Amino acid sequence: MSSKITVLNHGPLQVEAGAQVCDAAGKIFTSTEGKPIFLCRCGQSANKPFCDGAHRKAEFKSEVAAS
């Protein structure tokens, strides 16, 4: 099964199905198996690349729809 990535309106990317997140050197970030991962899109997170909810305070706005 492939990973599913959902673009959440005004929020992060939600990544499911056991995807691994790696840094530029290939080192894997630790994650909890079976739980979704939320990746920051707003650039304001103090825990990059992961979302920490900072998009709410920054009033990040982005609505994306598949064409």
PDB file of N, CA and C in Angstrom:
ATOM      1  N   MET A   1       0.844  -1.185   0.000  1.00  0.00           N
ATOM      2  CA  MET A   1       0.000   0.000   0.000  1.00  0.00           C
ATOM      3  C   MET A   1       0.889   1.248   0.000  1.00  0.00           C
ATOM      4  N   SER A   2       0.539   2.208  -0.812  1.00  0.00           N
ATOM      5  CA  SER A   2       1.321   3.442  -0.866  1.00  0.00           C
ATOM      6  C   SER A   2       0.820   4.429   0.183  1.00  0.00           C
ATOM      7  N   SER A   3       1.671   5.391   0.491  1.00  0.00           N
ATOM      8  CA  SER A   3       1.307   6.413   1.468  1.00  0.00           C
ATOM      9  C   SER A   3       0.273   7.356   0.874  1.00  0.00           C
ATOM     10  N   LYS A   4      -0.554   7.900   1.725  1.00  0.00           N
ATOM     11  CA  LYS A   4      -1.538   8.893   1.322  1.00  0.00           C
ATOM     12  C   LYS A   4      -1.141  10.211   1.963  1.00  0.00           C
ATOM     13  N   ILE A   5      -1.102  11.278   1.155  1.00  0.00           N
ATOM     14  CA  ILE A   5      -0.795  12.620   1.642  1.00  0.00           C
ATOM     15  C   ILE A   5      -2.016  13.486   1.393  1.00  0.00           C
ATOM     16  N   THR A   6      -2.520  14.101   2.454  1.00  0.00           N
ATOM     17  CA  THR A   6      -3.688  14.969   2.356  1.00  0.00           C
ATOM     18  C   THR A   6      -3.267  16.392   2.691  1.00  0.00           C
ATOM     19  N   VAL A   7      -3.605  17.326   1.791  1.00  0.00           N
ATOM     20  CA  VAL A   7      -3.326  18.743   2.026  1.00  0.00           C
ATOM     21  C   VAL A   7      -4.505  19.303   2.819  1.00  0.00           C
ATOM     22  N   LEU A   8      -4.262  19.669   4.070  1.00  0.00           N
ATOM     23  CA  LEU A   8      -5.326  20.195   4.919  1.00  0.00           C
ATOM     24  C   LEU A   8      -5.454  21.700   4.699  1.00  0.00           C
ATOM     25  N   ASN A   9      -6.678  22.162   4.451  1.00  0.00           N
ATOM     26  CA  ASN A   9      -6.901  23.586   4.235  1.00  0.00           C
ATOM     27  C   ASN A   9      -6.401  24.387   5.426  1.00  0.00           C
ATOM     28  N   HIS A  10      -5.631  25.421   5.147  1.00  0.00           N
ATOM     29  CA  HIS A  10      -5.095  26.339   6.162  1.00  0.00           C
ATOM     30  C   HIS A  10      -4.233  25.628   7.202  1.00  0.00           C
ATOM     31  N   GLY A  11      -3.663  24.471   6.830  1.00  0.00           N
ATOM     32  CA  GLY A  11      -2.882  23.701   7.793  1.00  0.00           C
ATOM     33  C   GLY A  11      -1.812  22.859   7.133  1.00  0.00           C
ATOM     34  N   PRO A  12      -1.389  21.806   7.812  1.00  0.00           N
ATOM     35  CA  PRO A  12      -0.257  20.996   7.382  1.00  0.00           C
ATOM     36  C   PRO A  12      -0.612  19.966   6.318  1.00  0.00           C
ATOM     37  N   LEU A  13       0.408  19.206   5.921  1.00  0.00           N
ATOM     38  CA  LEU A  13       0.223  18.014   5.107  1.00  0.00           C
ATOM     39  C   LEU A  13       0.062  16.844   6.068  1.00  0.00           C
ATOM     40  N   GLN A  14      -0.965  16.041   5.881  1.00  0.00           N
ATOM     41  CA  GLN A  14      -1.169  14.853   6.702  1.00  0.00           C
ATOM     42  C   GLN A  14      -0.678  13.658   5.895  1.00  0.00           C
ATOM     43  N   VAL A  15       0.311  12.934   6.434  1.00  0.00           N
ATOM     44  CA  VAL A  15       0.927  11.811   5.750  1.00  0.00           C
ATOM     45  C   VAL A  15       0.568  10.533   6.507  1.00  0.00           C
ATOM     46  N   GLU A  16      -0.008   9.569   5.784  1.00  0.00           N
ATOM     47  CA  GLU A  16      -0.430   8.312   6.409  1.00  0.00           C
ATOM     48  C   GLU A  16       0.289   7.113   5.804  1.00  0.00           C
ATOM     49  N   ALA A  17      -0.009   5.954   6.333  1.00  0.00           N
ATOM     50  CA  ALA A  17       0.446   4.653   5.824  1.00  0.00           C
ATOM     51  C   ALA A  17       1.932   4.409   5.985  1.00  0.00           C
ATOM     52  N   GLY A  18       2.486   4.827   7.111  1.00  0.00           N
ATOM     53  CA  GLY A  18       3.845   4.446   7.471  1.00  0.00           C
ATOM     54  C   GLY A  18       4.963   5.076   6.668  1.00  0.00           C
ATOM     55  N   ALA A  19       4.778   6.247   6.137  1.00  0.00           N
ATOM     56  CA  ALA A  19       5.842   6.925   5.393  1.00  0.00           C
ATOM     57  C   ALA A  19       6.977   7.302   6.336  1.00  0.00           C
ATOM     58  N   GLN A  20       8.205   7.264   5.824  1.00  0.00           N
ATOM     59  CA  GLN A  20       9.364   7.700   6.595  1.00  0.00           C
ATOM     60  C   GLN A  20       9.716   9.120   6.175  1.00  0.00           C
ATOM     61  N   VAL A  21      10.048   9.961   7.139  1.00  0.00           N
ATOM     62  CA  VAL A  21      10.498  11.318   6.870  1.00  0.00           C
ATOM     63  C   VAL A  21      11.995  11.349   7.153  1.00  0.00           C
ATOM     64  N   CYS A  22      12.777  11.764   6.133  1.00  0.00           N
ATOM     65  CA  CYS A  22      14.234  11.791   6.249  1.00  0.00           C
ATOM     66  C   CYS A  22      14.746  13.209   6.084  1.00  0.00           C
ATOM     67  N   ASP A  23      15.894  13.509   6.714  1.00  0.00           N
ATOM     68  CA  ASP A  23      16.542  14.805   6.512  1.00  0.00           C
ATOM     69  C   ASP A  23      17.386  14.734   5.234  1.00  0.00           C
ATOM     70  N   ALA A  24      18.046  15.825   4.892  1.00  0.00           N
ATOM     71  CA  ALA A  24      18.812  15.902   3.648  1.00  0.00           C
ATOM     72  C   ALA A  24      19.952  14.886   3.583  1.00  0.00           C
ATOM     73  N   ALA A  25      20.436  14.444   4.740  1.00  0.00           N
ATOM     74  CA  ALA A  25      21.510  13.453   4.790  1.00  0.00           C
ATOM     75  C   ALA A  25      20.982  12.022   4.763  1.00  0.00           C
ATOM     76  N   GLY A  26      19.656  11.862   4.751  1.00  0.00           N
ATOM     77  CA  GLY A  26      19.053  10.539   4.713  1.00  0.00           C
ATOM     78  C   GLY A  26      18.733   9.954   6.074  1.00  0.00           C
ATOM     79  N   LYS A  27      19.021  10.695   7.143  1.00  0.00           N
ATOM     80  CA  LYS A  27      18.720  10.219   8.493  1.00  0.00           C
ATOM     81  C   LYS A  27      17.213  10.286   8.715  1.00  0.00           C
ATOM     82  N   ILE A  28      16.669   9.205   9.254  1.00  0.00           N
ATOM     83  CA  ILE A  28      15.223   9.098   9.443  1.00  0.00           C
ATOM     84  C   ILE A  28      14.807   9.752  10.760  1.00  0.00           C
ATOM     85  N   PHE A  29      13.795  10.627  10.673  1.00  0.00           N
ATOM     86  CA  PHE A  29      13.196  11.173  11.883  1.00  0.00           C
ATOM     87  C   PHE A  29      12.411  10.050  12.551  1.00  0.00           C
ATOM     88  N   THR A  30      12.419  10.003  13.863  1.00  0.00           N
ATOM     89  CA  THR A  30      11.639   8.992  14.563  1.00  0.00           C
ATOM     90  C   THR A  30      10.160   9.347  14.461  1.00  0.00           C
ATOM     91  N   SER A  31       9.351   8.329  14.346  1.00  0.00           N
ATOM     92  CA  SER A  31       7.906   8.541  14.283  1.00  0.00           C
ATOM     93  C   SER A  31       7.209   7.377  14.966  1.00  0.00           C
ATOM     94  N   THR A  32       5.949   7.571  15.285  1.00  0.00           N
ATOM     95  CA  THR A  32       5.162   6.526  15.902  1.00  0.00           C
ATOM     96  C   THR A  32       4.492   5.723  14.795  1.00  0.00           C
ATOM     97  N   GLU A  33       4.848   4.464  14.681  1.00  0.00           N
ATOM     98  CA  GLU A  33       4.321   3.584  13.639  1.00  0.00           C
ATOM     99  C   GLU A  33       2.800   3.548  13.663  1.00  0.00           C
ATOM    100  N   GLY A  34       2.200   3.669  12.508  1.00  0.00           N
ATOM    101  CA  GLY A  34       0.760   3.560  12.371  1.00  0.00           C
ATOM    102  C   GLY A  34      -0.015   4.842  12.620  1.00  0.00           C
ATOM    103  N   LYS A  35       0.642   5.881  13.114  1.00  0.00           N
ATOM    104  CA  LYS A  35      -0.041   7.151  13.347  1.00  0.00           C
ATOM    105  C   LYS A  35       0.309   8.119  12.228  1.00  0.00           C
ATOM    106  N   PRO A  36      -0.620   9.014  11.862  1.00  0.00           N
ATOM    107  CA  PRO A  36      -0.305   9.979  10.812  1.00  0.00           C
ATOM    108  C   PRO A  36       0.777  10.961  11.253  1.00  0.00           C
ATOM    109  N   ILE A  37       1.493  11.492  10.271  1.00  0.00           N
ATOM    110  CA  ILE A  37       2.523  12.509  10.471  1.00  0.00           C
ATOM    111  C   ILE A  37       1.986  13.801   9.870  1.00  0.00           C
ATOM    112  N   PHE A  38       2.192  14.922  10.535  1.00  0.00           N
ATOM    113  CA  PHE A  38       1.736  16.209  10.030  1.00  0.00           C
ATOM    114  C   PHE A  38       2.947  17.078   9.735  1.00  0.00           C
ATOM    115  N   LEU A  39       3.114  17.454   8.466  1.00  0.00           N
ATOM    116  CA  LEU A  39       4.257  18.242   8.024  1.00  0.00           C
ATOM    117  C   LEU A  39       3.857  19.699   7.830  1.00  0.00           C
ATOM    118  N   CYS A  40       4.693  20.599   8.343  1.00  0.00           N
ATOM    119  CA  CYS A  40       4.446  22.035   8.295  1.00  0.00           C
ATOM    120  C   CYS A  40       4.435  22.550   6.853  1.00  0.00           C
ATOM    121  N   ARG A  41       3.472  23.412   6.539  1.00  0.00           N
ATOM    122  CA  ARG A  41       3.445  24.117   5.254  1.00  0.00           C
ATOM    123  C   ARG A  41       3.626  25.609   5.434  1.00  0.00           C
ATOM    124  N   CYS A  42       3.409  26.120   6.636  1.00  0.00           N
ATOM    125  CA  CYS A  42       3.415  27.574   6.842  1.00  0.00           C
ATOM    126  C   CYS A  42       4.810  28.138   7.097  1.00  0.00           C
ATOM    127  N   GLY A  43       5.756  27.288   7.499  1.00  0.00           N
ATOM    128  CA  GLY A  43       7.108  27.734   7.784  1.00  0.00           C
ATOM    129  C   GLY A  43       7.304  28.307   9.176  1.00  0.00           C
ATOM    130  N   GLN A  44       6.270  28.290  10.007  1.00  0.00           N
ATOM    131  CA  GLN A  44       6.353  28.903  11.335  1.00  0.00           C
ATOM    132  C   GLN A  44       6.598  27.910  12.469  1.00  0.00           C
ATOM    133  N   SER A  45       6.549  26.614  12.193  1.00  0.00           N
ATOM    134  CA  SER A  45       6.704  25.602  13.231  1.00  0.00           C
ATOM    135  C   SER A  45       8.076  25.672  13.891  1.00  0.00           C
ATOM    136  N   ALA A  46       8.118  25.510  15.198  1.00  0.00           N
ATOM    137  CA  ALA A  46       9.381  25.428  15.934  1.00  0.00           C
ATOM    138  C   ALA A  46       9.927  24.004  15.908  1.00  0.00           C
ATOM    139  N   ASN A  47       9.171  23.076  15.315  1.00  0.00           N
ATOM    140  CA  ASN A  47       9.543  21.665  15.278  1.00  0.00           C
ATOM    141  C   ASN A  47       9.603  21.162  13.827  1.00  0.00           C
ATOM    142  N   LYS A  48      10.154  21.978  12.921  1.00  0.00           N
ATOM    143  CA  LYS A  48      10.223  21.607  11.504  1.00  0.00           C
ATOM    144  C   LYS A  48      10.965  20.293  11.333  1.00  0.00           C
ATOM    145  N   PRO A  49      10.540  19.454  10.421  1.00  0.00           N
ATOM    146  CA  PRO A  49       9.531  19.662   9.395  1.00  0.00           C
ATOM    147  C   PRO A  49       8.109  19.378   9.865  1.00  0.00           C
ATOM    148  N   PHE A  50       7.944  19.108  11.142  1.00  0.00           N
ATOM    149  CA  PHE A  50       6.629  18.723  11.654  1.00  0.00           C
ATOM    150  C   PHE A  50       5.804  19.934  12.080  1.00  0.00           C
ATOM    151  N   CYS A  51       4.510  19.800  11.985  1.00  0.00           N
ATOM    152  CA  CYS A  51       3.581  20.860  12.377  1.00  0.00           C
ATOM    153  C   CYS A  51       3.445  20.882  13.896  1.00  0.00           C
ATOM    154  N   ASP A  52       3.454  22.080  14.465  1.00  0.00           N
ATOM    155  CA  ASP A  52       3.205  22.238  15.899  1.00  0.00           C
ATOM    156  C   ASP A  52       1.998  23.140  16.157  1.00  0.00           C
ATOM    157  N   GLY A  53       1.217  23.411  15.106  1.00  0.00           N
ATOM    158  CA  GLY A  53       0.024  24.242  15.254  1.00  0.00           C
ATOM    159  C   GLY A  53       0.276  25.734  15.077  1.00  0.00           C
ATOM    160  N   ALA A  54       1.517  26.128  14.773  1.00  0.00           N
ATOM    161  CA  ALA A  54       1.858  27.547  14.639  1.00  0.00           C
ATOM    162  C   ALA A  54       1.092  28.229  13.508  1.00  0.00           C
ATOM    163  N   HIS A  55       0.564  27.450  12.551  1.00  0.00           N
ATOM    164  CA  HIS A  55      -0.178  28.037  11.438  1.00  0.00           C
ATOM    165  C   HIS A  55      -1.417  28.797  11.917  1.00  0.00           C
ATOM    166  N   ARG A  56      -1.971  28.364  13.033  1.00  0.00           N
ATOM    167  CA  ARG A  56      -3.164  29.054  13.571  1.00  0.00           C
ATOM    168  C   ARG A  56      -2.816  30.471  14.026  1.00  0.00           C
ATOM    169  N   LYS A  57      -1.741  30.593  14.807  1.00  0.00           N
ATOM    170  CA  LYS A  57      -1.324  31.904  15.303  1.00  0.00           C
ATOM    171  C   LYS A  57      -0.864  32.799  14.148  1.00  0.00           C
ATOM    172  N   ALA A  58      -0.223  32.196  13.140  1.00  0.00           N
ATOM    173  CA  ALA A  58       0.268  32.954  11.976  1.00  0.00           C
ATOM    174  C   ALA A  58      -0.855  33.270  10.991  1.00  0.00           C
ATOM    175  N   GLU A  59      -2.040  32.725  11.261  1.00  0.00           N
ATOM    176  CA  GLU A  59      -3.198  32.894  10.368  1.00  0.00           C
ATOM    177  C   GLU A  59      -2.871  32.458   8.934  1.00  0.00           C
ATOM    178  N   PHE A  60      -2.177  31.342   8.825  1.00  0.00           N
ATOM    179  CA  PHE A  60      -1.819  30.757   7.525  1.00  0.00           C
ATOM    180  C   PHE A  60      -3.082  30.426   6.746  1.00  0.00           C
ATOM    181  N   LYS A  61      -3.131  30.836   5.500  1.00  0.00           N
ATOM    182  CA  LYS A  61      -4.294  30.568   4.654  1.00  0.00           C
ATOM    183  C   LYS A  61      -3.819  29.895   3.369  1.00  0.00           C
ATOM    184  N   SER A  62      -4.387  28.749   3.076  1.00  0.00           N
ATOM    185  CA  SER A  62      -4.116  28.042   1.831  1.00  0.00           C
ATOM    186  C   SER A  62      -5.167  26.968   1.647  1.00  0.00           C
ATOM    187  N   GLU A  63      -5.928  27.091   0.588  1.00  0.00           N
ATOM    188  CA  GLU A  63      -6.898  26.069   0.225  1.00  0.00           C
ATOM    189  C   GLU A  63      -6.459  25.483  -1.104  1.00  0.00           C
ATOM    190  N   VAL A  64      -6.304  24.169  -1.119  1.00  0.00           N
ATOM    191  CA  VAL A  64      -5.837  23.488  -2.319  1.00  0.00           C
ATOM    192  C   VAL A  64      -6.882  22.462  -2.719  1.00  0.00           C
ATOM    193  N   ALA A  65      -7.231  22.443  -4.019  1.00  0.00           N
ATOM    194  CA  ALA A  65      -8.196  21.461  -4.529  1.00  0.00           C
ATOM    195  C   ALA A  65      -7.604  20.792  -5.754  1.00  0.00           C
ATOM    196  N   ALA A  66      -7.757  19.498  -5.841  1.00  0.00           N
ATOM    197  CA  ALA A  66      -7.279  18.759  -7.011  1.00  0.00           C
ATOM    198  C   ALA A  66      -8.096  19.179  -8.227  1.00  0.00           C
ATOM    199  N   SER A  67      -7.432  19.257  -9.361  1.00  0.00           N
ATOM    200  CA  SER A  67      -8.154  19.661 -10.574  1.00  0.00           C
ATOM    201  C   SER A  67      -8.566  18.454 -11.378  1.00  0.00           C
TER     202      SER A  67
END
